[in-house]
């Protein structure tokens, strides 16, 4: 399981192991306190987390927005859950 989070400094999406306490941002070098970061999604494995990080960054860049709203975060979680279930069948 991996958590998709954002760097509070540069707002870059990244992912961490849920037991990890700190993460160094690969873009701006900020030390991220994982326990204080909002979790956008819990991904099954690092490949899913990496895919989601890329898609979220592309979505925000394409729409010119800074962040997802609460409804979009809920939709992201439900779409991911449906996608994971479909892979298990």
N, C-alpha and C. Protein backbone atom coordinates (compact mmCIF):
# COMPACT_ATOMS: atom_id res chain seq x y z
N UNK A 1 0.84 -1.17 0.00
CA UNK A 1 0.00 0.00 0.00
C UNK A 1 0.89 1.24 0.00
N UNK A 2 0.53 2.22 -0.82
CA UNK A 2 1.27 3.48 -0.91
C UNK A 2 0.28 4.64 -0.85
N UNK A 3 0.71 5.75 -0.25
CA UNK A 3 -0.12 6.94 -0.16
C UNK A 3 0.34 7.97 -1.20
N UNK A 4 -0.62 8.51 -1.95
CA UNK A 4 -0.33 9.57 -2.90
C UNK A 4 -0.53 10.89 -2.15
N UNK A 5 0.53 11.70 -2.11
CA UNK A 5 0.51 12.97 -1.39
C UNK A 5 1.07 14.07 -2.29
N UNK A 6 1.12 15.30 -1.76
CA UNK A 6 1.73 16.42 -2.48
C UNK A 6 2.77 17.10 -1.61
N UNK A 7 3.79 17.61 -2.27
CA UNK A 7 4.81 18.40 -1.58
C UNK A 7 4.19 19.74 -1.20
N UNK A 8 4.29 20.16 0.04
CA UNK A 8 3.73 21.45 0.43
C UNK A 8 4.50 22.65 -0.16
N UNK A 9 5.73 22.41 -0.58
CA UNK A 9 6.53 23.50 -1.14
C UNK A 9 6.21 23.80 -2.59
N UNK A 10 6.32 22.79 -3.45
CA UNK A 10 6.14 23.01 -4.89
C UNK A 10 4.86 22.39 -5.44
N UNK A 11 4.12 21.69 -4.59
CA UNK A 11 2.83 21.07 -4.94
C UNK A 11 2.96 19.93 -5.94
N UNK A 12 4.13 19.32 -6.02
CA UNK A 12 4.33 18.17 -6.88
C UNK A 12 3.74 16.93 -6.20
N UNK A 13 3.03 16.10 -6.98
CA UNK A 13 2.51 14.85 -6.45
C UNK A 13 3.64 13.85 -6.31
N UNK A 14 3.55 13.04 -5.29
CA UNK A 14 4.51 11.97 -5.06
C UNK A 14 3.80 10.87 -4.28
N UNK A 15 4.50 9.79 -3.99
CA UNK A 15 3.90 8.72 -3.20
C UNK A 15 4.91 8.22 -2.17
N UNK A 16 4.36 7.67 -1.09
CA UNK A 16 5.20 7.20 0.01
C UNK A 16 4.63 5.90 0.57
N UNK A 17 5.48 5.16 1.18
CA UNK A 17 5.07 4.00 1.96
C UNK A 17 4.34 4.54 3.19
N UNK A 18 3.24 3.92 3.62
CA UNK A 18 2.50 4.47 4.76
C UNK A 18 3.28 4.49 6.08
N UNK A 19 4.37 3.75 6.17
CA UNK A 19 5.17 3.73 7.39
C UNK A 19 6.31 4.74 7.35
N UNK A 20 6.47 5.38 6.22
CA UNK A 20 7.52 6.37 6.05
C UNK A 20 7.11 7.67 6.74
N UNK A 21 8.01 8.28 7.48
CA UNK A 21 7.68 9.51 8.20
C UNK A 21 8.09 10.76 7.43
N UNK A 22 9.18 10.67 6.68
CA UNK A 22 9.70 11.82 5.94
C UNK A 22 9.95 11.43 4.50
N UNK A 23 9.84 12.41 3.62
CA UNK A 23 10.17 12.19 2.20
C UNK A 23 10.82 13.45 1.67
N UNK A 24 11.88 13.29 0.93
CA UNK A 24 12.55 14.41 0.29
C UNK A 24 11.92 14.62 -1.08
N UNK A 25 11.41 15.81 -1.34
CA UNK A 25 10.79 16.11 -2.64
C UNK A 25 11.85 16.05 -3.73
N UNK A 26 11.57 15.29 -4.77
CA UNK A 26 12.53 15.14 -5.86
C UNK A 26 12.59 16.36 -6.77
N UNK A 27 11.67 17.31 -6.60
CA UNK A 27 11.66 18.51 -7.45
C UNK A 27 12.31 19.70 -6.74
N UNK A 28 11.81 20.03 -5.53
CA UNK A 28 12.31 21.24 -4.86
C UNK A 28 13.24 20.96 -3.67
N UNK A 29 13.33 19.70 -3.26
CA UNK A 29 14.23 19.35 -2.17
C UNK A 29 13.66 19.56 -0.77
N UNK A 30 12.38 19.94 -0.70
CA UNK A 30 11.77 20.12 0.63
C UNK A 30 11.62 18.78 1.33
N UNK A 31 11.81 18.80 2.64
CA UNK A 31 11.58 17.60 3.45
C UNK A 31 10.10 17.59 3.83
N UNK A 32 9.38 16.58 3.37
CA UNK A 32 7.94 16.49 3.58
C UNK A 32 7.68 15.64 4.83
N UNK A 33 6.93 16.19 5.76
CA UNK A 33 6.48 15.43 6.93
C UNK A 33 5.24 14.66 6.48
N UNK A 34 5.40 13.38 6.23
CA UNK A 34 4.33 12.55 5.67
C UNK A 34 3.12 12.49 6.59
N UNK A 35 3.35 12.55 7.90
CA UNK A 35 2.23 12.46 8.84
C UNK A 35 1.33 13.69 8.79
N UNK A 36 1.83 14.79 8.24
CA UNK A 36 1.04 16.03 8.16
C UNK A 36 0.49 16.27 6.75
N UNK A 37 0.82 15.42 5.81
CA UNK A 37 0.40 15.59 4.43
C UNK A 37 -0.97 14.95 4.20
N UNK A 38 -1.80 15.63 3.42
CA UNK A 38 -3.10 15.08 3.05
C UNK A 38 -2.90 13.92 2.07
N UNK A 39 -3.60 12.83 2.30
CA UNK A 39 -3.51 11.66 1.43
C UNK A 39 -4.62 11.76 0.38
N UNK A 40 -4.22 11.82 -0.88
CA UNK A 40 -5.18 11.89 -1.97
C UNK A 40 -5.77 10.52 -2.26
N UNK A 41 -4.93 9.49 -2.14
CA UNK A 41 -5.37 8.14 -2.48
C UNK A 41 -4.42 7.13 -1.85
N UNK A 42 -4.96 5.97 -1.53
CA UNK A 42 -4.13 4.85 -1.10
C UNK A 42 -4.08 3.86 -2.26
N UNK A 43 -2.89 3.67 -2.82
CA UNK A 43 -2.71 2.80 -3.98
C UNK A 43 -2.21 1.43 -3.53
N UNK A 44 -2.57 0.42 -4.29
CA UNK A 44 -2.19 -0.96 -3.97
C UNK A 44 -0.68 -1.20 -4.03
N UNK A 45 -0.03 -0.67 -5.06
CA UNK A 45 1.41 -0.88 -5.19
C UNK A 45 2.07 0.35 -5.81
N UNK A 46 3.38 0.32 -5.90
CA UNK A 46 4.11 1.50 -6.37
C UNK A 46 3.84 1.80 -7.84
N UNK A 47 3.53 0.78 -8.63
CA UNK A 47 3.22 1.03 -10.05
C UNK A 47 1.93 1.81 -10.19
N UNK A 48 0.91 1.42 -9.42
CA UNK A 48 -0.36 2.17 -9.43
C UNK A 48 -0.13 3.59 -8.94
N UNK A 49 0.63 3.74 -7.87
CA UNK A 49 0.89 5.07 -7.31
C UNK A 49 1.60 5.95 -8.32
N UNK A 50 2.57 5.42 -9.02
CA UNK A 50 3.31 6.19 -10.02
C UNK A 50 2.39 6.62 -11.17
N UNK A 51 1.54 5.71 -11.62
CA UNK A 51 0.59 6.02 -12.68
C UNK A 51 -0.36 7.13 -12.25
N UNK A 52 -0.86 7.05 -11.05
CA UNK A 52 -1.81 8.04 -10.54
C UNK A 52 -1.13 9.40 -10.37
N UNK A 53 0.09 9.41 -9.85
CA UNK A 53 0.83 10.65 -9.69
C UNK A 53 0.96 11.35 -11.05
N UNK A 54 1.32 10.61 -12.08
CA UNK A 54 1.47 11.19 -13.42
C UNK A 54 0.14 11.71 -13.96
N UNK A 55 -0.92 10.93 -13.79
CA UNK A 55 -2.23 11.33 -14.30
C UNK A 55 -2.77 12.56 -13.56
N UNK A 56 -2.57 12.63 -12.26
CA UNK A 56 -3.02 13.79 -11.51
C UNK A 56 -2.27 15.05 -11.94
N UNK A 57 -0.98 14.94 -12.11
CA UNK A 57 -0.18 16.09 -12.55
C UNK A 57 -0.63 16.54 -13.94
N UNK A 58 -0.85 15.58 -14.85
CA UNK A 58 -1.31 15.92 -16.20
C UNK A 58 -2.68 16.58 -16.16
N UNK A 59 -3.59 16.05 -15.34
CA UNK A 59 -4.93 16.61 -15.24
C UNK A 59 -4.89 18.07 -14.79
N UNK A 60 -4.15 18.34 -13.73
CA UNK A 60 -4.07 19.71 -13.23
C UNK A 60 -3.39 20.64 -14.22
N UNK A 61 -2.38 20.14 -14.91
CA UNK A 61 -1.71 20.96 -15.92
C UNK A 61 -2.65 21.26 -17.09
N UNK A 62 -3.38 20.25 -17.54
CA UNK A 62 -4.31 20.43 -18.67
C UNK A 62 -5.45 21.39 -18.34
N UNK A 63 -5.93 21.34 -17.09
CA UNK A 63 -7.06 22.18 -16.71
C UNK A 63 -6.61 23.54 -16.17
N UNK A 64 -5.33 23.70 -15.91
CA UNK A 64 -4.81 24.97 -15.40
C UNK A 64 -5.20 25.24 -13.96
N UNK A 65 -5.53 24.19 -13.23
CA UNK A 65 -5.94 24.34 -11.84
C UNK A 65 -4.80 24.00 -10.90
N UNK A 66 -4.95 24.42 -9.64
CA UNK A 66 -3.91 24.18 -8.65
C UNK A 66 -4.14 22.91 -7.83
N UNK A 67 -5.41 22.50 -7.67
CA UNK A 67 -5.70 21.34 -6.84
C UNK A 67 -7.06 20.76 -7.21
N UNK A 68 -7.31 19.56 -6.71
CA UNK A 68 -8.61 18.91 -6.87
C UNK A 68 -9.56 19.40 -5.79
N UNK A 69 -10.83 19.48 -6.11
CA UNK A 69 -11.81 19.80 -5.07
C UNK A 69 -12.22 18.51 -4.36
N UNK A 70 -13.00 18.62 -3.31
CA UNK A 70 -13.38 17.45 -2.51
C UNK A 70 -14.15 16.42 -3.32
N UNK A 71 -15.05 16.88 -4.19
CA UNK A 71 -15.83 15.95 -5.02
C UNK A 71 -14.91 15.18 -5.96
N UNK A 72 -13.91 15.83 -6.51
CA UNK A 72 -12.97 15.15 -7.40
C UNK A 72 -12.10 14.15 -6.65
N UNK A 73 -11.76 14.46 -5.42
CA UNK A 73 -10.98 13.51 -4.61
C UNK A 73 -11.81 12.27 -4.32
N UNK A 74 -13.09 12.46 -3.99
CA UNK A 74 -13.97 11.30 -3.74
C UNK A 74 -14.13 10.47 -5.01
N UNK A 75 -14.29 11.14 -6.15
CA UNK A 75 -14.44 10.44 -7.42
C UNK A 75 -13.17 9.67 -7.75
N UNK A 76 -12.01 10.27 -7.53
CA UNK A 76 -10.73 9.60 -7.76
C UNK A 76 -10.66 8.31 -6.95
N UNK A 77 -11.01 8.38 -5.69
CA UNK A 77 -10.95 7.19 -4.82
C UNK A 77 -11.92 6.11 -5.28
N UNK A 78 -13.14 6.50 -5.67
CA UNK A 78 -14.11 5.50 -6.09
C UNK A 78 -13.72 4.88 -7.44
N UNK A 79 -13.20 5.70 -8.36
CA UNK A 79 -12.76 5.18 -9.67
C UNK A 79 -11.59 4.21 -9.48
N UNK A 80 -10.67 4.55 -8.60
CA UNK A 80 -9.53 3.67 -8.35
C UNK A 80 -10.01 2.36 -7.74
N UNK A 81 -10.91 2.43 -6.77
CA UNK A 81 -11.44 1.21 -6.15
C UNK A 81 -12.12 0.32 -7.19
N UNK A 82 -12.89 0.93 -8.08
CA UNK A 82 -13.56 0.16 -9.14
C UNK A 82 -12.53 -0.47 -10.07
N UNK A 83 -11.49 0.26 -10.40
CA UNK A 83 -10.44 -0.25 -11.28
C UNK A 83 -9.71 -1.43 -10.63
N UNK A 84 -9.41 -1.34 -9.35
CA UNK A 84 -8.73 -2.43 -8.64
C UNK A 84 -9.63 -3.66 -8.60
N UNK A 85 -10.91 -3.47 -8.31
CA UNK A 85 -11.85 -4.60 -8.28
C UNK A 85 -11.93 -5.28 -9.65
N UNK A 86 -11.92 -4.50 -10.72
CA UNK A 86 -12.03 -5.08 -12.06
C UNK A 86 -10.80 -5.91 -12.42
N UNK A 87 -9.66 -5.58 -11.86
CA UNK A 87 -8.44 -6.36 -12.13
C UNK A 87 -8.48 -7.69 -11.40
N UNK A 88 -9.27 -7.79 -10.33
CA UNK A 88 -9.30 -9.00 -9.52
C UNK A 88 -10.26 -10.05 -10.09
N UNK A 89 -11.08 -9.65 -11.01
CA UNK A 89 -12.06 -10.60 -11.56
C UNK A 89 -11.44 -11.43 -12.65
